[in-house]
N, C-alpha and C. Protein backbone atom coordinates (compact mmCIF):
# COMPACT_ATOMS: atom_id res chain seq x y z
N MET A 1 112.53 166.30 -18.35
CA MET A 1 112.27 167.45 -17.52
C MET A 1 112.67 167.19 -16.07
N THR A 2 112.36 166.02 -15.56
CA THR A 2 112.70 165.66 -14.20
C THR A 2 114.21 165.61 -14.02
N LYS A 3 114.92 165.12 -15.03
CA LYS A 3 116.38 165.06 -14.96
C LYS A 3 116.98 166.46 -14.90
N ILE A 4 116.43 167.39 -15.65
CA ILE A 4 116.94 168.77 -15.65
C ILE A 4 116.70 169.41 -14.28
N PHE A 5 115.50 169.17 -13.73
CA PHE A 5 115.16 169.71 -12.42
C PHE A 5 116.10 169.13 -11.35
N ALA A 6 116.34 167.83 -11.41
CA ALA A 6 117.21 167.17 -10.44
C ALA A 6 118.64 167.71 -10.56
N ALA A 7 119.10 167.90 -11.78
CA ALA A 7 120.45 168.42 -11.99
C ALA A 7 120.57 169.85 -11.46
N ALA A 8 119.55 170.66 -11.69
CA ALA A 8 119.56 172.04 -11.20
C ALA A 8 119.54 172.07 -9.67
N LEU A 9 118.75 171.19 -9.08
CA LEU A 9 118.67 171.11 -7.62
C LEU A 9 120.02 170.69 -7.03
N ILE A 10 120.66 169.73 -7.61
CA ILE A 10 121.97 169.27 -7.14
C ILE A 10 123.01 170.38 -7.28
N ALA A 11 122.98 171.10 -8.39
CA ALA A 11 123.92 172.20 -8.60
C ALA A 11 123.70 173.30 -7.57
N ALA A 12 122.44 173.61 -7.28
CA ALA A 12 122.13 174.65 -6.30
C ALA A 12 122.60 174.23 -4.91
N LEU A 13 122.38 172.99 -4.55
CA LEU A 13 122.82 172.49 -3.25
C LEU A 13 124.34 172.49 -3.14
N ALA A 14 125.00 172.17 -4.22
CA ALA A 14 126.47 172.16 -4.22
C ALA A 14 127.02 173.57 -3.99
N LEU A 15 126.34 174.56 -4.54
CA LEU A 15 126.79 175.93 -4.36
C LEU A 15 126.51 176.44 -2.94
N LEU A 16 125.43 176.00 -2.33
CA LEU A 16 125.06 176.45 -0.99
C LEU A 16 125.77 175.69 0.12
N ALA A 17 126.13 174.46 -0.12
CA ALA A 17 126.71 173.60 0.91
C ALA A 17 127.97 174.18 1.55
N PRO A 18 128.92 174.71 0.79
CA PRO A 18 130.13 175.22 1.44
C PRO A 18 129.83 176.35 2.42
N ALA A 19 128.84 177.16 2.15
CA ALA A 19 128.52 178.25 3.06
C ALA A 19 127.90 177.73 4.35
N GLN A 20 127.14 176.66 4.26
CA GLN A 20 126.48 176.11 5.44
C GLN A 20 127.36 175.12 6.19
N PHE A 21 128.24 174.45 5.50
CA PHE A 21 129.07 173.42 6.10
C PHE A 21 130.52 173.65 5.74
N PRO A 22 131.21 174.56 6.42
CA PRO A 22 132.61 174.83 6.07
C PRO A 22 133.46 173.59 6.27
N LEU A 23 134.45 173.43 5.41
CA LEU A 23 135.32 172.27 5.50
C LEU A 23 136.24 172.32 6.70
N HIS A 24 136.59 173.51 7.14
CA HIS A 24 137.45 173.64 8.30
C HIS A 24 136.91 174.76 9.18
N ALA A 25 136.90 174.51 10.47
CA ALA A 25 136.39 175.50 11.40
C ALA A 25 137.44 176.58 11.65
N GLN A 26 136.99 177.77 11.96
CA GLN A 26 137.92 178.84 12.29
C GLN A 26 138.49 178.61 13.69
N ALA A 27 139.75 178.95 13.84
CA ALA A 27 140.39 178.86 15.15
C ALA A 27 139.88 179.99 16.02
N PRO A 28 139.74 179.75 17.34
CA PRO A 28 139.30 180.82 18.22
C PRO A 28 140.34 181.93 18.27
N PRO A 29 139.92 183.17 18.50
CA PRO A 29 140.88 184.25 18.56
C PRO A 29 141.84 184.06 19.73
N THR A 30 143.08 184.43 19.50
CA THR A 30 144.09 184.29 20.55
C THR A 30 144.68 185.65 20.86
N THR A 31 145.32 185.73 22.00
CA THR A 31 146.01 186.96 22.35
C THR A 31 147.49 186.68 22.36
N ALA A 32 148.28 187.70 22.19
CA ALA A 32 149.73 187.54 22.17
C ALA A 32 150.22 186.99 23.50
N LYS A 33 149.61 187.40 24.60
CA LYS A 33 150.05 186.97 25.91
C LYS A 33 149.69 185.53 26.23
N ALA A 34 148.69 184.97 25.54
CA ALA A 34 148.25 183.62 25.85
C ALA A 34 149.37 182.61 25.66
N SER A 35 150.27 182.85 24.71
CA SER A 35 151.33 181.90 24.44
C SER A 35 152.60 182.20 25.23
N GLY A 36 152.69 183.38 25.82
CA GLY A 36 153.87 183.76 26.57
C GLY A 36 153.74 183.39 28.04
N PRO A 37 154.75 183.75 28.82
CA PRO A 37 154.69 183.45 30.25
C PRO A 37 153.59 184.27 30.91
N ALA A 38 153.03 183.70 31.97
CA ALA A 38 151.97 184.39 32.70
C ALA A 38 152.54 185.62 33.41
N ILE A 39 151.72 186.63 33.56
CA ILE A 39 152.12 187.85 34.25
C ILE A 39 151.91 187.67 35.74
N ASP A 40 152.94 187.92 36.52
CA ASP A 40 152.88 187.78 37.98
C ASP A 40 152.20 189.01 38.57
N LEU A 41 151.07 188.81 39.20
CA LEU A 41 150.32 189.93 39.79
C LEU A 41 151.10 190.63 40.90
N ASN A 42 152.06 189.95 41.52
CA ASN A 42 152.81 190.54 42.62
C ASN A 42 154.03 191.34 42.18
N THR A 43 154.44 191.21 40.94
CA THR A 43 155.62 191.94 40.48
C THR A 43 155.36 192.78 39.24
N ALA A 44 154.19 192.64 38.64
CA ALA A 44 153.90 193.33 37.38
C ALA A 44 153.77 194.83 37.57
N SER A 45 154.25 195.57 36.58
CA SER A 45 154.06 197.02 36.55
C SER A 45 152.72 197.31 35.88
N ALA A 46 152.31 198.58 35.91
CA ALA A 46 151.08 198.98 35.23
C ALA A 46 151.18 198.67 33.73
N THR A 47 152.35 198.89 33.16
CA THR A 47 152.56 198.61 31.74
C THR A 47 152.39 197.12 31.45
N ASP A 48 152.95 196.28 32.32
CA ASP A 48 152.81 194.83 32.16
C ASP A 48 151.33 194.43 32.20
N LEU A 49 150.61 194.96 33.17
CA LEU A 49 149.21 194.60 33.34
C LEU A 49 148.35 195.04 32.15
N GLN A 50 148.72 196.14 31.53
CA GLN A 50 147.95 196.64 30.40
C GLN A 50 148.09 195.75 29.16
N GLU A 51 149.03 194.83 29.16
CA GLU A 51 149.17 193.89 28.06
C GLU A 51 148.08 192.81 28.11
N LEU A 52 147.42 192.69 29.25
CA LEU A 52 146.35 191.70 29.40
C LEU A 52 145.09 192.19 28.68
N PRO A 53 144.32 191.27 28.11
CA PRO A 53 143.10 191.68 27.40
C PRO A 53 142.09 192.31 28.34
N GLY A 54 141.58 193.46 27.97
CA GLY A 54 140.56 194.13 28.76
C GLY A 54 141.09 194.96 29.91
N ILE A 55 142.41 195.01 30.09
CA ILE A 55 142.99 195.79 31.18
C ILE A 55 143.59 197.06 30.59
N GLY A 56 142.99 198.19 30.95
CA GLY A 56 143.51 199.48 30.52
C GLY A 56 144.29 200.13 31.64
N ARG A 57 144.64 201.39 31.43
CA ARG A 57 145.44 202.13 32.41
C ARG A 57 144.75 202.21 33.77
N ALA A 58 143.47 202.54 33.78
CA ALA A 58 142.75 202.71 35.05
C ALA A 58 142.67 201.40 35.84
N THR A 59 142.36 200.32 35.18
CA THR A 59 142.27 199.03 35.88
C THR A 59 143.63 198.57 36.34
N ALA A 60 144.65 198.78 35.55
CA ALA A 60 146.02 198.42 35.96
C ALA A 60 146.40 199.18 37.22
N GLU A 61 146.06 200.46 37.27
CA GLU A 61 146.35 201.26 38.47
C GLU A 61 145.59 200.75 39.68
N ARG A 62 144.34 200.32 39.47
CA ARG A 62 143.55 199.77 40.60
C ARG A 62 144.15 198.46 41.11
N ILE A 63 144.70 197.66 40.20
CA ILE A 63 145.36 196.42 40.63
C ILE A 63 146.58 196.75 41.48
N LEU A 64 147.37 197.73 41.05
CA LEU A 64 148.55 198.14 41.82
C LEU A 64 148.14 198.72 43.18
N GLU A 65 147.07 199.52 43.22
CA GLU A 65 146.58 200.07 44.49
C GLU A 65 146.13 198.97 45.43
N TYR A 66 145.42 197.97 44.88
CA TYR A 66 144.96 196.85 45.70
C TYR A 66 146.16 196.12 46.30
N ARG A 67 147.17 195.90 45.48
CA ARG A 67 148.38 195.19 45.94
C ARG A 67 149.09 195.99 47.03
N GLN A 68 149.14 197.31 46.87
CA GLN A 68 149.80 198.17 47.85
C GLN A 68 149.04 198.18 49.18
N LYS A 69 147.72 198.26 49.12
CA LYS A 69 146.90 198.33 50.34
C LYS A 69 146.78 197.00 51.05
N ASN A 70 146.71 195.89 50.29
CA ASN A 70 146.43 194.58 50.87
C ASN A 70 147.62 193.64 50.91
N GLY A 71 148.75 194.06 50.41
CA GLY A 71 149.91 193.19 50.34
C GLY A 71 149.85 192.31 49.11
N PRO A 72 150.81 191.43 48.97
CA PRO A 72 150.89 190.58 47.77
C PRO A 72 149.64 189.71 47.61
N PHE A 73 149.31 189.44 46.37
CA PHE A 73 148.20 188.52 46.09
C PHE A 73 148.61 187.13 46.57
N LYS A 74 147.69 186.45 47.22
CA LYS A 74 147.95 185.09 47.68
C LYS A 74 147.45 184.05 46.67
N LYS A 75 146.42 184.43 45.93
CA LYS A 75 145.88 183.57 44.88
C LYS A 75 145.29 184.45 43.79
N VAL A 76 145.26 183.94 42.56
CA VAL A 76 144.81 184.75 41.42
C VAL A 76 143.35 185.16 41.55
N GLU A 77 142.56 184.40 42.28
CA GLU A 77 141.14 184.72 42.45
C GLU A 77 140.92 186.06 43.16
N GLU A 78 141.92 186.53 43.92
CA GLU A 78 141.82 187.82 44.59
C GLU A 78 141.67 188.97 43.59
N LEU A 79 142.03 188.71 42.35
CA LEU A 79 141.89 189.73 41.31
C LEU A 79 140.45 190.21 41.20
N MET A 80 139.49 189.35 41.54
CA MET A 80 138.08 189.74 41.49
C MET A 80 137.72 190.75 42.58
N ASN A 81 138.61 190.96 43.56
CA ASN A 81 138.38 191.98 44.59
C ASN A 81 138.69 193.38 44.08
N VAL A 82 139.32 193.47 42.93
CA VAL A 82 139.67 194.76 42.34
C VAL A 82 138.46 195.30 41.60
N LYS A 83 138.10 196.56 41.87
CA LYS A 83 136.96 197.19 41.20
C LYS A 83 137.17 197.14 39.69
N GLY A 84 136.15 196.69 38.99
CA GLY A 84 136.23 196.62 37.53
C GLY A 84 136.57 195.25 37.00
N ILE A 85 136.91 194.32 37.89
CA ILE A 85 137.21 192.95 37.45
C ILE A 85 136.22 192.02 38.11
N GLY A 86 135.26 191.59 37.33
CA GLY A 86 134.25 190.65 37.81
C GLY A 86 134.60 189.24 37.38
N GLU A 87 133.63 188.36 37.57
CA GLU A 87 133.86 186.95 37.25
C GLU A 87 134.14 186.75 35.76
N LYS A 88 133.41 187.45 34.92
CA LYS A 88 133.61 187.29 33.47
C LYS A 88 135.02 187.71 33.05
N SER A 89 135.46 188.86 33.55
CA SER A 89 136.82 189.32 33.23
C SER A 89 137.85 188.36 33.81
N PHE A 90 137.61 187.92 35.03
CA PHE A 90 138.57 187.02 35.69
C PHE A 90 138.72 185.72 34.90
N LEU A 91 137.62 185.17 34.44
CA LEU A 91 137.70 183.92 33.67
C LEU A 91 138.53 184.09 32.40
N ARG A 92 138.49 185.27 31.82
CA ARG A 92 139.29 185.55 30.62
C ARG A 92 140.77 185.69 30.97
N LEU A 93 141.06 186.15 32.20
CA LEU A 93 142.43 186.46 32.60
C LEU A 93 143.15 185.35 33.36
N LYS A 94 142.41 184.45 33.96
CA LYS A 94 143.01 183.53 34.94
C LYS A 94 144.15 182.67 34.40
N THR A 95 144.13 182.34 33.12
CA THR A 95 145.23 181.54 32.57
C THR A 95 146.41 182.41 32.15
N LEU A 96 146.23 183.73 32.18
CA LEU A 96 147.28 184.65 31.75
C LEU A 96 148.04 185.28 32.89
N VAL A 97 147.58 185.02 34.13
CA VAL A 97 148.23 185.61 35.30
C VAL A 97 148.65 184.53 36.28
N THR A 98 149.59 184.88 37.13
CA THR A 98 150.05 183.97 38.17
C THR A 98 150.35 184.79 39.41
N VAL A 99 150.57 184.10 40.52
CA VAL A 99 150.91 184.75 41.78
C VAL A 99 152.14 184.04 42.34
N SER A 100 153.22 184.79 42.50
CA SER A 100 154.42 184.20 43.09
C SER A 100 154.35 184.34 44.60
N THR A 101 155.00 183.43 45.27
CA THR A 101 155.10 183.50 46.72
C THR A 101 156.53 183.89 47.08
N LYS A 102 156.75 184.26 48.33
CA LYS A 102 158.11 184.62 48.75
C LYS A 102 159.06 183.45 48.58
N ALA A 103 158.57 182.23 48.84
CA ALA A 103 159.43 181.05 48.71
C ALA A 103 159.87 180.87 47.26
N GLU A 104 158.97 181.12 46.30
CA GLU A 104 159.33 181.00 44.89
C GLU A 104 160.37 182.02 44.50
N LYS A 105 160.20 183.26 45.02
CA LYS A 105 161.16 184.32 44.70
C LYS A 105 162.52 183.99 45.29
N ALA A 106 162.57 183.52 46.53
CA ALA A 106 163.84 183.21 47.18
C ALA A 106 164.52 182.03 46.48
N GLY A 107 163.72 181.05 46.05
CA GLY A 107 164.29 179.89 45.38
C GLY A 107 164.85 180.24 44.02
N GLY A 108 164.31 181.26 43.37
CA GLY A 108 164.77 181.63 42.05
C GLY A 108 165.99 182.52 42.05
N GLU A 109 166.33 183.10 43.20
CA GLU A 109 167.46 184.04 43.28
C GLU A 109 168.68 183.35 43.90
N ARG A 110 169.39 182.61 43.11
CA ARG A 110 170.58 181.93 43.62
C ARG A 110 171.80 182.42 42.93
């Protein structure tokens, strides 16, 4: 009787174990833009900006308005000055955006 109980217990644990202890972890979700080149906040169009996760038409327009009123972005952290982009959104975007300087633009146009 004890052997039958032990065998049943082992079988039950074997069936439950894969659900509790997966053999391989799932990869974190990725975005298409994460693997591509970063979007330059100083040259991007509204369409370009909308490719970023969480950026819709209205936020893209606010980014363009901010750039027009304040001049080119000097650092990516300035993105948090745009209404609708807080620290949480910025942390999600910071690796997907970049800021070019005039020197970089001049150096690239030869």
